[in-house]
Amino acid sequence: MAVAVQTVLDERIAKYVDHLKEERHATEVAVVRELVEGGYEQVVRQLHARYQRGEMTFRTMAAELGLSVRELYDLLAQKGLPT
């Protein structure tokens, strides 16, 4: 399920978004979506690394991501990360 979000960006981030828009000939929406998805990907990988090191349980990782355990299994399988 997709969710529409409206936000105000810090001036430096807004300038970066404008730069990427011009460089990639993309829309503002596409650039912001890519940045948000990239940030989410980074969080998933950081939490996964902590899980792999035994610093958190699988259930805790799921809770940190706002997912059920089943959804987390599916997400990690999709990304090719071991459980």
N, C-alpha and C. Protein backbone atom coordinates (compact mmCIF):
# COMPACT_ATOMS: atom_id res chain seq x y z
N MET A 1 0.84 -1.17 0.00
CA MET A 1 0.00 0.00 0.00
C MET A 1 0.89 1.24 0.00
N ALA A 2 0.65 2.12 -0.92
CA ALA A 2 1.40 3.37 -1.00
C ALA A 2 0.68 4.44 -0.18
N VAL A 3 1.46 5.35 0.38
CA VAL A 3 0.92 6.43 1.18
C VAL A 3 1.48 7.74 0.65
N ALA A 4 0.62 8.73 0.45
CA ALA A 4 1.06 10.05 0.01
C ALA A 4 1.47 10.86 1.24
N VAL A 5 2.62 11.53 1.14
CA VAL A 5 3.15 12.32 2.25
C VAL A 5 3.52 13.70 1.72
N GLN A 6 3.21 14.70 2.50
CA GLN A 6 3.60 16.07 2.15
C GLN A 6 4.52 16.55 3.26
N THR A 7 5.66 17.16 2.91
CA THR A 7 6.63 17.58 3.91
C THR A 7 7.35 18.85 3.48
N VAL A 8 8.00 19.48 4.43
CA VAL A 8 8.84 20.64 4.17
C VAL A 8 10.29 20.18 4.36
N LEU A 9 11.13 20.45 3.37
CA LEU A 9 12.53 20.03 3.42
C LEU A 9 13.44 21.16 3.86
N ASP A 10 14.48 20.78 4.57
CA ASP A 10 15.55 21.71 4.90
C ASP A 10 16.11 22.28 3.59
N GLU A 11 16.56 23.52 3.61
CA GLU A 11 17.02 24.18 2.39
C GLU A 11 18.14 23.41 1.69
N ARG A 12 19.07 22.85 2.46
CA ARG A 12 20.17 22.10 1.85
C ARG A 12 19.66 20.86 1.14
N ILE A 13 18.71 20.18 1.75
CA ILE A 13 18.14 18.98 1.14
C ILE A 13 17.34 19.37 -0.10
N ALA A 14 16.60 20.47 -0.02
CA ALA A 14 15.82 20.95 -1.16
C ALA A 14 16.74 21.28 -2.34
N LYS A 15 17.89 21.88 -2.06
CA LYS A 15 18.85 22.19 -3.14
C LYS A 15 19.38 20.90 -3.76
N TYR A 16 19.63 19.90 -2.92
CA TYR A 16 20.11 18.60 -3.41
C TYR A 16 19.04 17.95 -4.29
N VAL A 17 17.80 18.01 -3.85
CA VAL A 17 16.70 17.45 -4.64
C VAL A 17 16.61 18.17 -5.98
N ASP A 18 16.72 19.49 -5.99
CA ASP A 18 16.70 20.25 -7.24
C ASP A 18 17.84 19.85 -8.16
N HIS A 19 19.02 19.67 -7.58
CA HIS A 19 20.20 19.25 -8.35
C HIS A 19 19.94 17.89 -9.01
N LEU A 20 19.42 16.94 -8.22
CA LEU A 20 19.15 15.61 -8.77
C LEU A 20 18.06 15.65 -9.83
N LYS A 21 17.05 16.49 -9.62
CA LYS A 21 15.98 16.62 -10.62
C LYS A 21 16.56 17.02 -11.97
N GLU A 22 17.42 18.04 -11.94
CA GLU A 22 18.02 18.52 -13.18
C GLU A 22 18.95 17.48 -13.79
N GLU A 23 19.78 16.89 -12.95
CA GLU A 23 20.77 15.92 -13.42
C GLU A 23 20.11 14.69 -14.05
N ARG A 24 19.02 14.23 -13.45
CA ARG A 24 18.38 12.99 -13.89
C ARG A 24 17.15 13.23 -14.75
N HIS A 25 16.79 14.49 -14.94
CA HIS A 25 15.58 14.82 -15.68
C HIS A 25 14.39 14.07 -15.08
N ALA A 26 14.29 14.15 -13.77
CA ALA A 26 13.26 13.44 -13.02
C ALA A 26 12.34 14.43 -12.31
N THR A 27 11.23 13.93 -11.84
CA THR A 27 10.32 14.78 -11.08
C THR A 27 10.79 14.87 -9.63
N GLU A 28 10.31 15.90 -8.96
CA GLU A 28 10.62 16.06 -7.54
C GLU A 28 10.13 14.86 -6.74
N VAL A 29 8.95 14.37 -7.07
CA VAL A 29 8.37 13.22 -6.38
C VAL A 29 9.27 12.00 -6.54
N ALA A 30 9.76 11.77 -7.75
CA ALA A 30 10.61 10.60 -8.00
C ALA A 30 11.92 10.70 -7.22
N VAL A 31 12.51 11.88 -7.17
CA VAL A 31 13.77 12.06 -6.45
C VAL A 31 13.58 11.87 -4.95
N VAL A 32 12.54 12.48 -4.40
CA VAL A 32 12.30 12.35 -2.95
C VAL A 32 11.98 10.90 -2.61
N ARG A 33 11.19 10.22 -3.44
CA ARG A 33 10.88 8.81 -3.21
C ARG A 33 12.16 7.98 -3.18
N GLU A 34 13.05 8.24 -4.13
CA GLU A 34 14.32 7.50 -4.19
C GLU A 34 15.15 7.74 -2.93
N LEU A 35 15.19 8.98 -2.46
CA LEU A 35 15.96 9.28 -1.25
C LEU A 35 15.36 8.61 -0.02
N VAL A 36 14.05 8.63 0.09
CA VAL A 36 13.39 7.99 1.24
C VAL A 36 13.60 6.48 1.19
N GLU A 37 13.42 5.89 0.01
CA GLU A 37 13.61 4.44 -0.12
C GLU A 37 15.06 4.05 0.17
N GLY A 38 16.01 4.88 -0.25
CA GLY A 38 17.41 4.62 0.04
C GLY A 38 17.71 4.68 1.53
N GLY A 39 17.09 5.65 2.21
CA GLY A 39 17.25 5.75 3.66
C GLY A 39 16.66 4.55 4.37
N TYR A 40 15.49 4.11 3.92
CA TYR A 40 14.85 2.93 4.50
C TYR A 40 15.73 1.69 4.30
N GLU A 41 16.27 1.56 3.09
CA GLU A 41 17.16 0.43 2.78
C GLU A 41 18.35 0.42 3.74
N GLN A 42 18.91 1.58 3.99
CA GLN A 42 20.06 1.69 4.90
C GLN A 42 19.67 1.27 6.32
N VAL A 43 18.51 1.70 6.78
CA VAL A 43 18.05 1.32 8.12
C VAL A 43 17.85 -0.18 8.20
N VAL A 44 17.24 -0.76 7.17
CA VAL A 44 17.02 -2.22 7.16
C VAL A 44 18.37 -2.94 7.27
N ARG A 45 19.33 -2.50 6.49
CA ARG A 45 20.65 -3.16 6.51
C ARG A 45 21.37 -2.97 7.85
N GLN A 46 21.25 -1.80 8.43
CA GLN A 46 21.86 -1.57 9.75
C GLN A 46 21.23 -2.43 10.82
N LEU A 47 19.91 -2.50 10.83
CA LEU A 47 19.22 -3.35 11.81
C LEU A 47 19.54 -4.82 11.57
N HIS A 48 19.62 -5.21 10.31
CA HIS A 48 19.95 -6.60 9.98
C HIS A 48 21.35 -6.94 10.49
N ALA A 49 22.29 -6.02 10.33
CA ALA A 49 23.65 -6.25 10.83
C ALA A 49 23.63 -6.43 12.35
N ARG A 50 22.86 -5.62 13.04
CA ARG A 50 22.74 -5.75 14.50
C ARG A 50 22.12 -7.10 14.86
N TYR A 51 21.12 -7.53 14.13
CA TYR A 51 20.49 -8.83 14.35
C TYR A 51 21.52 -9.95 14.12
N GLN A 52 22.28 -9.86 13.05
CA GLN A 52 23.29 -10.88 12.72
C GLN A 52 24.37 -10.96 13.80
N ARG A 53 24.68 -9.83 14.43
CA ARG A 53 25.69 -9.83 15.51
C ARG A 53 25.10 -10.26 16.85
N GLY A 54 23.81 -10.53 16.89
CA GLY A 54 23.17 -10.96 18.12
C GLY A 54 22.81 -9.83 19.06
N GLU A 55 22.79 -8.61 18.55
CA GLU A 55 22.49 -7.45 19.38
C GLU A 55 20.99 -7.22 19.54
N MET A 56 20.18 -7.89 18.72
CA MET A 56 18.72 -7.77 18.85
C MET A 56 18.08 -9.03 18.31
N THR A 57 16.88 -9.28 18.75
CA THR A 57 16.15 -10.43 18.27
C THR A 57 15.47 -10.10 16.94
N PHE A 58 15.04 -11.15 16.27
CA PHE A 58 14.32 -10.97 15.01
C PHE A 58 13.03 -10.20 15.26
N ARG A 59 12.35 -10.54 16.34
CA ARG A 59 11.09 -9.87 16.70
C ARG A 59 11.33 -8.38 16.97
N THR A 60 12.44 -8.05 17.64
CA THR A 60 12.78 -6.65 17.91
C THR A 60 13.06 -5.92 16.61
N MET A 61 13.77 -6.57 15.71
CA MET A 61 14.05 -5.96 14.42
C MET A 61 12.75 -5.66 13.68
N ALA A 62 11.84 -6.61 13.69
CA ALA A 62 10.53 -6.40 13.04
C ALA A 62 9.82 -5.21 13.66
N ALA A 63 9.82 -5.15 14.99
CA ALA A 63 9.14 -4.04 15.69
C ALA A 63 9.78 -2.70 15.34
N GLU A 64 11.10 -2.66 15.26
CA GLU A 64 11.80 -1.41 14.92
C GLU A 64 11.41 -0.92 13.53
N LEU A 65 11.08 -1.85 12.65
CA LEU A 65 10.69 -1.49 11.28
C LEU A 65 9.18 -1.32 11.12
N GLY A 66 8.45 -1.58 12.20
CA GLY A 66 6.99 -1.46 12.13
C GLY A 66 6.35 -2.58 11.34
N LEU A 67 7.00 -3.75 11.34
CA LEU A 67 6.52 -4.89 10.57
C LEU A 67 6.17 -6.05 11.49
N SER A 68 5.36 -6.96 10.97
CA SER A 68 5.14 -8.22 11.67
C SER A 68 6.35 -9.11 11.38
N VAL A 69 6.49 -10.17 12.13
CA VAL A 69 7.60 -11.11 11.91
C VAL A 69 7.50 -11.69 10.49
N ARG A 70 6.29 -12.05 10.07
CA ARG A 70 6.09 -12.60 8.72
C ARG A 70 6.50 -11.59 7.64
N GLU A 71 6.12 -10.33 7.84
CA GLU A 71 6.48 -9.28 6.87
C GLU A 71 7.99 -9.10 6.81
N LEU A 72 8.66 -9.22 7.96
CA LEU A 72 10.12 -9.09 7.98
C LEU A 72 10.78 -10.25 7.24
N TYR A 73 10.28 -11.47 7.45
CA TYR A 73 10.80 -12.62 6.69
C TYR A 73 10.69 -12.34 5.20
N ASP A 74 9.53 -11.86 4.77
CA ASP A 74 9.31 -11.57 3.35
C ASP A 74 10.26 -10.48 2.85
N LEU A 75 10.44 -9.42 3.65
CA LEU A 75 11.32 -8.31 3.26
C LEU A 75 12.76 -8.79 3.10
N LEU A 76 13.24 -9.55 4.07
CA LEU A 76 14.63 -10.03 3.99
C LEU A 76 14.83 -10.98 2.83
N ALA A 77 13.84 -11.83 2.57
CA ALA A 77 13.93 -12.74 1.42
C ALA A 77 13.98 -11.95 0.13
N GLN A 78 13.17 -10.91 0.03
CA GLN A 78 13.13 -10.05 -1.15
C GLN A 78 14.48 -9.38 -1.38
N LYS A 79 15.16 -9.00 -0.30
CA LYS A 79 16.44 -8.32 -0.41
C LYS A 79 17.63 -9.27 -0.43
N GLY A 80 17.35 -10.58 -0.30
CA GLY A 80 18.41 -11.58 -0.32
C GLY A 80 19.27 -11.58 0.93
N LEU A 81 18.70 -11.14 2.05
CA LEU A 81 19.43 -11.11 3.31
C LEU A 81 19.08 -12.36 4.13
N PRO A 82 20.07 -12.98 4.76
CA PRO A 82 19.80 -14.20 5.55
C PRO A 82 19.00 -13.91 6.82
N THR A 83 18.20 -14.91 7.22
CA THR A 83 17.43 -14.77 8.46
C THR A 83 18.03 -15.60 9.56
